[in-house]
Amino acid sequence: MIPALIAGGIAAASLIGNMYNSNQDRKSRERAASRLSEQQRATDNEYSQMLRDIDSYYNGRGSLGTAQDVTSYKDAIAGYDPNKFVYDRGEFDYGKTADDFITPLRDKIVANEIAGVQHSAAGAGLGRGSGAAEAIAQAVADKDEELYRLAQEDYRDDRDFAYKKYSDYAQAMQNKLDTLRAATDTKLTMQGNLANDYYATMDAAQADRLKARQDKLATDATYAQAMAGLV
């Protein structure tokens, strides 16, 4: 919408042009030109005041965001790296085998087993013959198998326990990073909102200035046309 005074200037220019058409003498043209110039000055003054009023309004209204918020948001976006919020679990390194869980008393246990077999063999009249040797060898093999089976069970239990500690720790670290990322994302959102609010306010102010300028150019063109008719 064309402001009232500017619209009045357009109407005045048109009226003065009509006066000139009906008054061809020099004095009439001079009076018309003088009135036209006066009206144009008033329009120029109103335009200047309009620009001041626009600036005053937006400066007084302000915005939640500031130019500094825009800079901070740009810096935050540029420095945002999602990989910073992913915990590097690495590889699970246990470093043990079932052999590490063979009882240190193995030799004593096997020796006791041999002694028992020998005693049984002697009682059976086998003495130190091949029968006793085979019995001892079988007993040793059976005891070794039993001890290794127990060692494997201990190995699996210990490995499972170690892996759980590793996994629990990694998950705890990831949970901390997830919390930090959520806080960072929230801060980025808030900074983005402030930056957008600042731009929205600046855009609205610029739009009002451009509209006033367009109205002024239209009015100036009307004055120029009317003045040209008085020459």
C-alpha atoms as a PDB file:
ATOM      1  CA  MET A   1       0.000   0.000   0.000  1.00  0.00           C
ATOM      2  CA  ILE A   2       1.326   3.484  -0.944  1.00  0.00           C
ATOM      3  CA  PRO A   3       1.684   5.711   2.167  1.00  0.00           C
ATOM      4  CA  ALA A   4      -0.867   8.482   2.475  1.00  0.00           C
ATOM      5  CA  LEU A   5       1.451  11.415   1.861  1.00  0.00           C
ATOM      6  CA  ILE A   6       3.114   9.754  -1.101  1.00  0.00           C
ATOM      7  CA  ALA A   7      -0.287   8.875  -2.509  1.00  0.00           C
ATOM      8  CA  GLY A   8      -1.254  12.497  -1.957  1.00  0.00           C
ATOM      9  CA  GLY A   9       1.807  13.564  -3.918  1.00  0.00           C
ATOM     10  CA  ILE A  10       0.743  11.421  -6.860  1.00  0.00           C
ATOM     11  CA  ALA A  11      -2.743  12.942  -6.761  1.00  0.00           C
ATOM     12  CA  ALA A  12      -1.322  16.450  -6.496  1.00  0.00           C
ATOM     13  CA  ALA A  13       0.974  15.848  -9.438  1.00  0.00           C
ATOM     14  CA  SER A  14      -1.951  14.676 -11.522  1.00  0.00           C
ATOM     15  CA  LEU A  15      -4.086  17.660 -10.465  1.00  0.00           C
ATOM     16  CA  ILE A  16      -1.316  20.141 -11.228  1.00  0.00           C
ATOM     17  CA  GLY A  17      -0.844  18.546 -14.624  1.00  0.00           C
ATOM     18  CA  ASN A  18      -4.535  19.082 -15.334  1.00  0.00           C
ATOM     19  CA  MET A  19      -4.262  22.723 -14.188  1.00  0.00           C
ATOM     20  CA  TYR A  20      -1.467  23.231 -16.671  1.00  0.00           C
ATOM     21  CA  ASN A  21      -3.510  21.792 -19.469  1.00  0.00           C
ATOM     22  CA  SER A  22      -6.180  24.379 -18.799  1.00  0.00           C
ATOM     23  CA  ASN A  23      -3.765  27.242 -18.036  1.00  0.00           C
ATOM     24  CA  GLN A  24      -1.186  27.742 -20.742  1.00  0.00           C
ATOM     25  CA  ASP A  25       0.250  31.034 -19.554  1.00  0.00           C
ATOM     26  CA  ARG A  26       3.721  31.235 -18.017  1.00  0.00           C
ATOM     27  CA  LYS A  27       2.619  32.271 -14.508  1.00  0.00           C
ATOM     28  CA  SER A  28       0.278  29.355 -14.253  1.00  0.00           C
ATOM     29  CA  ARG A  29       3.084  27.008 -15.224  1.00  0.00           C
ATOM     30  CA  GLU A  30       5.389  28.566 -12.640  1.00  0.00           C
ATOM     31  CA  ARG A  31       2.776  28.277  -9.896  1.00  0.00           C
ATOM     32  CA  ALA A  32       2.104  24.673 -10.865  1.00  0.00           C
ATOM     33  CA  ALA A  33       5.815  23.849 -10.915  1.00  0.00           C
ATOM     34  CA  SER A  34       6.288  25.522  -7.523  1.00  0.00           C
ATOM     35  CA  ARG A  35       3.440  23.560  -5.980  1.00  0.00           C
ATOM     36  CA  LEU A  36       4.753  20.375  -7.538  1.00  0.00           C
ATOM     37  CA  SER A  37       8.259  20.976  -6.179  1.00  0.00           C
ATOM     38  CA  GLU A  38       6.846  21.723  -2.740  1.00  0.00           C
ATOM     39  CA  GLN A  39       4.805  18.572  -2.801  1.00  0.00           C
ATOM     40  CA  GLN A  40       7.833  16.537  -3.913  1.00  0.00           C
ATOM     41  CA  ARG A  41       9.938  17.928  -1.068  1.00  0.00           C
ATOM     42  CA  ALA A  42       7.217  16.937   1.374  1.00  0.00           C
ATOM     43  CA  THR A  43       7.177  13.464  -0.138  1.00  0.00           C
ATOM     44  CA  ASP A  44      10.983  13.247   0.123  1.00  0.00           C
ATOM     45  CA  ASN A  45      10.789  14.258   3.766  1.00  0.00           C
ATOM     46  CA  GLU A  46       8.117  11.672   4.439  1.00  0.00           C
ATOM     47  CA  TYR A  47      10.206   9.005   2.740  1.00  0.00           C
ATOM     48  CA  SER A  48      13.205   9.868   4.916  1.00  0.00           C
ATOM     49  CA  GLN A  49      10.982   9.770   7.985  1.00  0.00           C
ATOM     50  CA  MET A  50       9.576   6.424   6.921  1.00  0.00           C
ATOM     51  CA  LEU A  51      13.079   4.964   6.725  1.00  0.00           C
ATOM     52  CA  ARG A  52      13.874   6.334  10.170  1.00  0.00           C
ATOM     53  CA  ASP A  53      10.619   4.914  11.531  1.00  0.00           C
ATOM     54  CA  ILE A  54      11.388   1.491  10.031  1.00  0.00           C
ATOM     55  CA  ASP A  55      14.852   1.473  11.569  1.00  0.00           C
ATOM     56  CA  SER A  56      13.500   2.731  14.871  1.00  0.00           C
ATOM     57  CA  TYR A  57      10.832   0.044  14.928  1.00  0.00           C
ATOM     58  CA  TYR A  58      13.155  -2.843  14.238  1.00  0.00           C
ATOM     59  CA  ASN A  59      15.866  -1.494  16.509  1.00  0.00           C
ATOM     60  CA  GLY A  60      13.323  -1.130  19.290  1.00  0.00           C
ATOM     61  CA  ARG A  61      11.650  -4.437  18.591  1.00  0.00           C
ATOM     62  CA  GLY A  62      14.950  -6.178  18.345  1.00  0.00           C
ATOM     63  CA  SER A  63      15.248  -9.910  17.960  1.00  0.00           C
ATOM     64  CA  LEU A  64      16.148 -12.765  20.213  1.00  0.00           C
ATOM     65  CA  GLY A  65      19.130 -13.490  17.999  1.00  0.00           C
ATOM     66  CA  THR A  66      22.104 -11.270  17.298  1.00  0.00           C
ATOM     67  CA  ALA A  67      24.839 -11.109  14.698  1.00  0.00           C
ATOM     68  CA  GLN A  68      27.116 -12.796  17.239  1.00  0.00           C
ATOM     69  CA  ASP A  69      24.659 -15.696  17.450  1.00  0.00           C
ATOM     70  CA  VAL A  70      24.959 -16.132  13.697  1.00  0.00           C
ATOM     71  CA  THR A  71      28.751 -16.237  13.945  1.00  0.00           C
ATOM     72  CA  SER A  72      28.638 -18.652  16.870  1.00  0.00           C
ATOM     73  CA  TYR A  73      26.242 -20.925  15.010  1.00  0.00           C
ATOM     74  CA  LYS A  74      28.432 -20.980  11.904  1.00  0.00           C
ATOM     75  CA  ASP A  75      31.493 -21.792  14.006  1.00  0.00           C
ATOM     76  CA  ALA A  76      29.623 -24.525  15.879  1.00  0.00           C
ATOM     77  CA  ILE A  77      28.413 -26.136  12.650  1.00  0.00           C
ATOM     78  CA  ALA A  78      31.884 -25.967  11.118  1.00  0.00           C
ATOM     79  CA  GLY A  79      33.374 -27.685  14.156  1.00  0.00           C
ATOM     80  CA  TYR A  80      30.672 -30.344  14.507  1.00  0.00           C
ATOM     81  CA  ASP A  81      32.044 -33.853  14.001  1.00  0.00           C
ATOM     82  CA  PRO A  82      29.636 -36.754  14.716  1.00  0.00           C
ATOM     83  CA  ASN A  83      32.591 -39.117  15.066  1.00  0.00           C
ATOM     84  CA  LYS A  84      33.548 -37.340  18.268  1.00  0.00           C
ATOM     85  CA  PHE A  85      30.501 -38.904  19.878  1.00  0.00           C
ATOM     86  CA  VAL A  86      31.285 -42.506  18.962  1.00  0.00           C
ATOM     87  CA  TYR A  87      33.326 -44.442  21.513  1.00  0.00           C
ATOM     88  CA  ASP A  88      36.114 -46.477  19.960  1.00  0.00           C
ATOM     89  CA  ARG A  89      35.685 -49.893  21.557  1.00  0.00           C
ATOM     90  CA  GLY A  90      38.786 -51.284  19.934  1.00  0.00           C
ATOM     91  CA  GLU A  91      39.104 -55.036  19.780  1.00  0.00           C
ATOM     92  CA  PHE A  92      38.574 -57.299  22.742  1.00  0.00           C
ATOM     93  CA  ASP A  93      42.007 -58.583  23.696  1.00  0.00           C
ATOM     94  CA  TYR A  94      41.769 -61.366  26.228  1.00  0.00           C
ATOM     95  CA  GLY A  95      45.257 -62.820  25.828  1.00  0.00           C
ATOM     96  CA  LYS A  96      44.762 -66.124  27.622  1.00  0.00           C
ATOM     97  CA  THR A  97      44.200 -69.748  26.654  1.00  0.00           C
ATOM     98  CA  ALA A  98      42.798 -72.787  28.434  1.00  0.00           C
ATOM     99  CA  ASP A  99      46.365 -73.826  29.256  1.00  0.00           C
ATOM    100  CA  ASP A 100      46.606 -70.844  31.589  1.00  0.00           C
ATOM    101  CA  PHE A 101      43.934 -72.453  33.759  1.00  0.00           C
ATOM    102  CA  ILE A 102      45.530 -75.840  34.174  1.00  0.00           C
ATOM    103  CA  THR A 103      45.964 -76.260  37.902  1.00  0.00           C
ATOM    104  CA  PRO A 104      49.541 -75.750  39.099  1.00  0.00           C
ATOM    105  CA  LEU A 105      49.019 -78.933  41.151  1.00  0.00           C
ATOM    106  CA  ARG A 106      48.680 -81.009  37.983  1.00  0.00           C
ATOM    107  CA  ASP A 107      51.940 -82.852  38.447  1.00  0.00           C
ATOM    108  CA  LYS A 108      51.079 -83.724  42.048  1.00  0.00           C
ATOM    109  CA  ILE A 109      47.580 -84.827  41.077  1.00  0.00           C
ATOM    110  CA  VAL A 110      48.919 -87.007  38.284  1.00  0.00           C
ATOM    111  CA  ALA A 111      51.593 -88.427  40.612  1.00  0.00           C
ATOM    112  CA  ASN A 112      48.918 -89.301  43.154  1.00  0.00           C
ATOM    113  CA  GLU A 113      46.862 -90.889  40.406  1.00  0.00           C
ATOM    114  CA  ILE A 114      49.869 -92.986  39.311  1.00  0.00           C
ATOM    115  CA  ALA A 115      50.568 -94.002  42.876  1.00  0.00           C
ATOM    116  CA  GLY A 116      46.984 -95.094  43.305  1.00  0.00           C
ATOM    117  CA  VAL A 117      47.010 -97.133  40.128  1.00  0.00           C
ATOM    118  CA  GLN A 118      50.325 -98.727  41.077  1.00  0.00           C
ATOM    119  CA  HIS A 119      48.950 -99.636  44.455  1.00  0.00           C
ATOM    120  CA  SER A 120      45.868-101.135  42.874  1.00  0.00           C
ATOM    121  CA  ALA A 121      47.980-102.995  40.321  1.00  0.00           C
ATOM    122  CA  ALA A 122      50.224-104.390  43.043  1.00  0.00           C
ATOM    123  CA  GLY A 123      47.183-105.555  44.961  1.00  0.00           C
ATOM    124  CA  ALA A 124      45.969-107.277  41.851  1.00  0.00           C
ATOM    125  CA  GLY A 125      49.305-108.984  41.368  1.00  0.00           C
ATOM    126  CA  LEU A 126      50.207-106.956  38.233  1.00  0.00           C
ATOM    127  CA  GLY A 127      53.379-105.599  39.730  1.00  0.00           C
ATOM    128  CA  ARG A 128      55.355-103.583  37.221  1.00  0.00           C
ATOM    129  CA  GLY A 129      54.379-105.562  34.174  1.00  0.00           C
ATOM    130  CA  SER A 130      52.790-104.309  31.015  1.00  0.00           C
ATOM    131  CA  GLY A 131      49.362-104.466  32.583  1.00  0.00           C
ATOM    132  CA  ALA A 132      50.380-102.003  35.264  1.00  0.00           C
ATOM    133  CA  ALA A 133      52.033 -99.733  32.679  1.00  0.00           C
ATOM    134  CA  GLU A 134      48.921 -99.652  30.538  1.00  0.00           C
ATOM    135  CA  ALA A 135      46.742 -98.939  33.547  1.00  0.00           C
ATOM    136  CA  ILE A 136      49.024 -96.118  34.615  1.00  0.00           C
ATOM    137  CA  ALA A 137      49.105 -94.637  31.087  1.00  0.00           C
ATOM    138  CA  GLN A 138      45.333 -94.754  30.833  1.00  0.00           C
ATOM    139  CA  ALA A 139      44.922 -93.233  34.270  1.00  0.00           C
ATOM    140  CA  VAL A 140      47.290 -90.399  33.391  1.00  0.00           C
ATOM    141  CA  ALA A 141      45.455 -89.775  30.102  1.00  0.00           C
ATOM    142  CA  ASP A 142      42.087 -89.777  31.837  1.00  0.00           C
ATOM    143  CA  LYS A 143      43.301 -87.407  34.553  1.00  0.00           C
ATOM    144  CA  ASP A 144      44.868 -85.061  31.989  1.00  0.00           C
ATOM    145  CA  GLU A 145      41.610 -85.010  30.054  1.00  0.00           C
ATOM    146  CA  GLU A 146      39.662 -84.238  33.204  1.00  0.00           C
ATOM    147  CA  LEU A 147      42.040 -81.469  34.236  1.00  0.00           C
ATOM    148  CA  TYR A 148      41.978 -79.918  30.748  1.00  0.00           C
ATOM    149  CA  ARG A 149      38.176 -80.042  30.659  1.00  0.00           C
ATOM    150  CA  LEU A 150      38.084 -78.199  33.972  1.00  0.00           C
ATOM    151  CA  ALA A 151      40.649 -75.729  32.664  1.00  0.00           C
ATOM    152  CA  GLN A 152      38.491 -75.075  29.591  1.00  0.00           C
ATOM    153  CA  GLU A 153      35.474 -74.416  31.781  1.00  0.00           C
ATOM    154  CA  ASP A 154      37.467 -71.988  33.914  1.00  0.00           C
ATOM    155  CA  TYR A 155      38.832 -70.374  30.743  1.00  0.00           C
ATOM    156  CA  ARG A 156      35.352 -69.839  29.279  1.00  0.00           C
ATOM    157  CA  ASP A 157      33.987 -68.466  32.558  1.00  0.00           C
ATOM    158  CA  ASP A 158      36.909 -66.080  32.968  1.00  0.00           C
ATOM    159  CA  ARG A 159      36.781 -64.978  29.320  1.00  0.00           C
ATOM    160  CA  ASP A 160      33.035 -64.339  29.535  1.00  0.00           C
ATOM    161  CA  PHE A 161      33.541 -62.313  32.683  1.00  0.00           C
ATOM    162  CA  ALA A 162      36.349 -60.290  31.096  1.00  0.00           C
ATOM    163  CA  TYR A 163      34.278 -59.660  27.959  1.00  0.00           C
ATOM    164  CA  LYS A 164      31.330 -58.483  30.041  1.00  0.00           C
ATOM    165  CA  LYS A 165      33.564 -56.005  31.866  1.00  0.00           C
ATOM    166  CA  TYR A 166      34.927 -54.819  28.514  1.00  0.00           C
ATOM    167  CA  SER A 167      31.425 -54.473  27.031  1.00  0.00           C
ATOM    168  CA  ASP A 168      29.959 -52.795  30.120  1.00  0.00           C
ATOM    169  CA  TYR A 169      32.769 -50.253  30.186  1.00  0.00           C
ATOM    170  CA  ALA A 170      32.445 -49.550  26.450  1.00  0.00           C
ATOM    171  CA  GLN A 171      28.679 -49.096  26.820  1.00  0.00           C
ATOM    172  CA  ALA A 172      29.147 -46.765  29.786  1.00  0.00           C
ATOM    173  CA  MET A 173      31.553 -44.641  27.747  1.00  0.00           C
ATOM    174  CA  GLN A 174      29.151 -44.592  24.790  1.00  0.00           C
ATOM    175  CA  ASN A 175      26.289 -43.578  27.077  1.00  0.00           C
ATOM    176  CA  LYS A 176      28.345 -40.602  28.257  1.00  0.00           C
ATOM    177  CA  LEU A 177      29.059 -39.612  24.661  1.00  0.00           C
ATOM    178  CA  ASP A 178      25.373 -40.010  23.757  1.00  0.00           C
ATOM    179  CA  THR A 179      24.472 -37.645  26.580  1.00  0.00           C
ATOM    180  CA  LEU A 180      27.111 -35.170  25.435  1.00  0.00           C
ATOM    181  CA  ARG A 181      25.901 -35.390  21.847  1.00  0.00           C
ATOM    182  CA  ALA A 182      22.288 -34.789  22.904  1.00  0.00           C
ATOM    183  CA  ALA A 183      23.386 -31.700  24.830  1.00  0.00           C
ATOM    184  CA  THR A 184      25.456 -30.511  21.880  1.00  0.00           C
ATOM    185  CA  ASP A 185      22.572 -31.043  19.449  1.00  0.00           C
ATOM    186  CA  THR A 186      20.238 -29.120  21.746  1.00  0.00           C
ATOM    187  CA  LYS A 187      22.717 -26.250  21.930  1.00  0.00           C
ATOM    188  CA  LEU A 188      23.090 -26.254  18.129  1.00  0.00           C
ATOM    189  CA  THR A 189      19.326 -26.160  17.719  1.00  0.00           C
ATOM    190  CA  MET A 190      19.036 -23.207  20.072  1.00  0.00           C
ATOM    191  CA  GLN A 191      21.876 -21.375  18.328  1.00  0.00           C
ATOM    192  CA  GLY A 192      20.249 -22.111  14.965  1.00  0.00           C
ATOM    193  CA  ASN A 193      16.921 -20.729  16.192  1.00  0.00           C
ATOM    194  CA  LEU A 194      18.608 -17.542  17.383  1.00  0.00           C
ATOM    195  CA  ALA A 195      20.444 -17.166  14.080  1.00  0.00           C
ATOM    196  CA  ASN A 196      17.219 -17.735  12.125  1.00  0.00           C
ATOM    197  CA  ASP A 197      15.370 -15.211  14.287  1.00  0.00           C
ATOM    198  CA  TYR A 198      18.070 -12.631  13.622  1.00  0.00           C
ATOM    199  CA  TYR A 199      17.897 -13.235   9.875  1.00  0.00           C
ATOM    200  CA  ALA A 200      14.086 -13.158   9.903  1.00  0.00           C
ATOM    201  CA  THR A 201      14.124  -9.767  11.623  1.00  0.00           C
ATOM    202  CA  MET A 202      16.742  -8.394   9.243  1.00  0.00           C
ATOM    203  CA  ASP A 203      14.810  -9.748   6.243  1.00  0.00           C
ATOM    204  CA  ALA A 204      11.574  -8.155   7.440  1.00  0.00           C
ATOM    205  CA  ALA A 205      13.295  -4.805   7.941  1.00  0.00           C
ATOM    206  CA  GLN A 206      14.874  -4.993   4.498  1.00  0.00           C
ATOM    207  CA  ALA A 207      11.552  -5.924   2.929  1.00  0.00           C
ATOM    208  CA  ASP A 208       9.936  -2.854   4.494  1.00  0.00           C
ATOM    209  CA  ARG A 209      12.759  -0.636   3.261  1.00  0.00           C
ATOM    210  CA  LEU A 210      12.520  -2.037  -0.270  1.00  0.00           C
ATOM    211  CA  LYS A 211       8.742  -1.537  -0.302  1.00  0.00           C
ATOM    212  CA  ALA A 212       9.146   2.072   0.789  1.00  0.00           C
ATOM    213  CA  ARG A 213      11.795   2.546  -1.888  1.00  0.00           C
ATOM    214  CA  GLN A 214       9.545   1.095  -4.576  1.00  0.00           C
ATOM    215  CA  ASP A 215       6.727   3.433  -3.533  1.00  0.00           C
ATOM    216  CA  LYS A 216       9.129   6.366  -3.589  1.00  0.00           C
ATOM    217  CA  LEU A 217      10.397   5.500  -7.064  1.00  0.00           C
ATOM    218  CA  ALA A 218       6.826   5.283  -8.324  1.00  0.00           C
ATOM    219  CA  THR A 219       6.067   8.677  -6.809  1.00  0.00           C
ATOM    220  CA  ASP A 220       9.253  10.225  -8.239  1.00  0.00           C
ATOM    221  CA  ALA A 221       8.320   8.930 -11.683  1.00  0.00           C
ATOM    222  CA  THR A 222       4.894  10.557 -11.389  1.00  0.00           C
ATOM    223  CA  TYR A 223       6.431  13.862 -10.312  1.00  0.00           C
ATOM    224  CA  ALA A 224       8.945  13.719 -13.153  1.00  0.00           C
ATOM    225  CA  GLN A 225       6.182  13.085 -15.665  1.00  0.00           C
ATOM    226  CA  ALA A 226       4.100  15.944 -14.302  1.00  0.00           C
ATOM    227  CA  MET A 227       7.092  18.289 -14.241  1.00  0.00           C
ATOM    228  CA  ALA A 228       7.960  17.372 -17.802  1.00  0.00           C
ATOM    229  CA  GLY A 229       4.478  18.492 -18.841  1.00  0.00           C
ATOM    230  CA  LEU A 230       5.145  21.937 -17.397  1.00  0.00           C
ATOM    231  CA  VAL A 231       8.287  22.563 -19.405  1.00  0.00           C
END
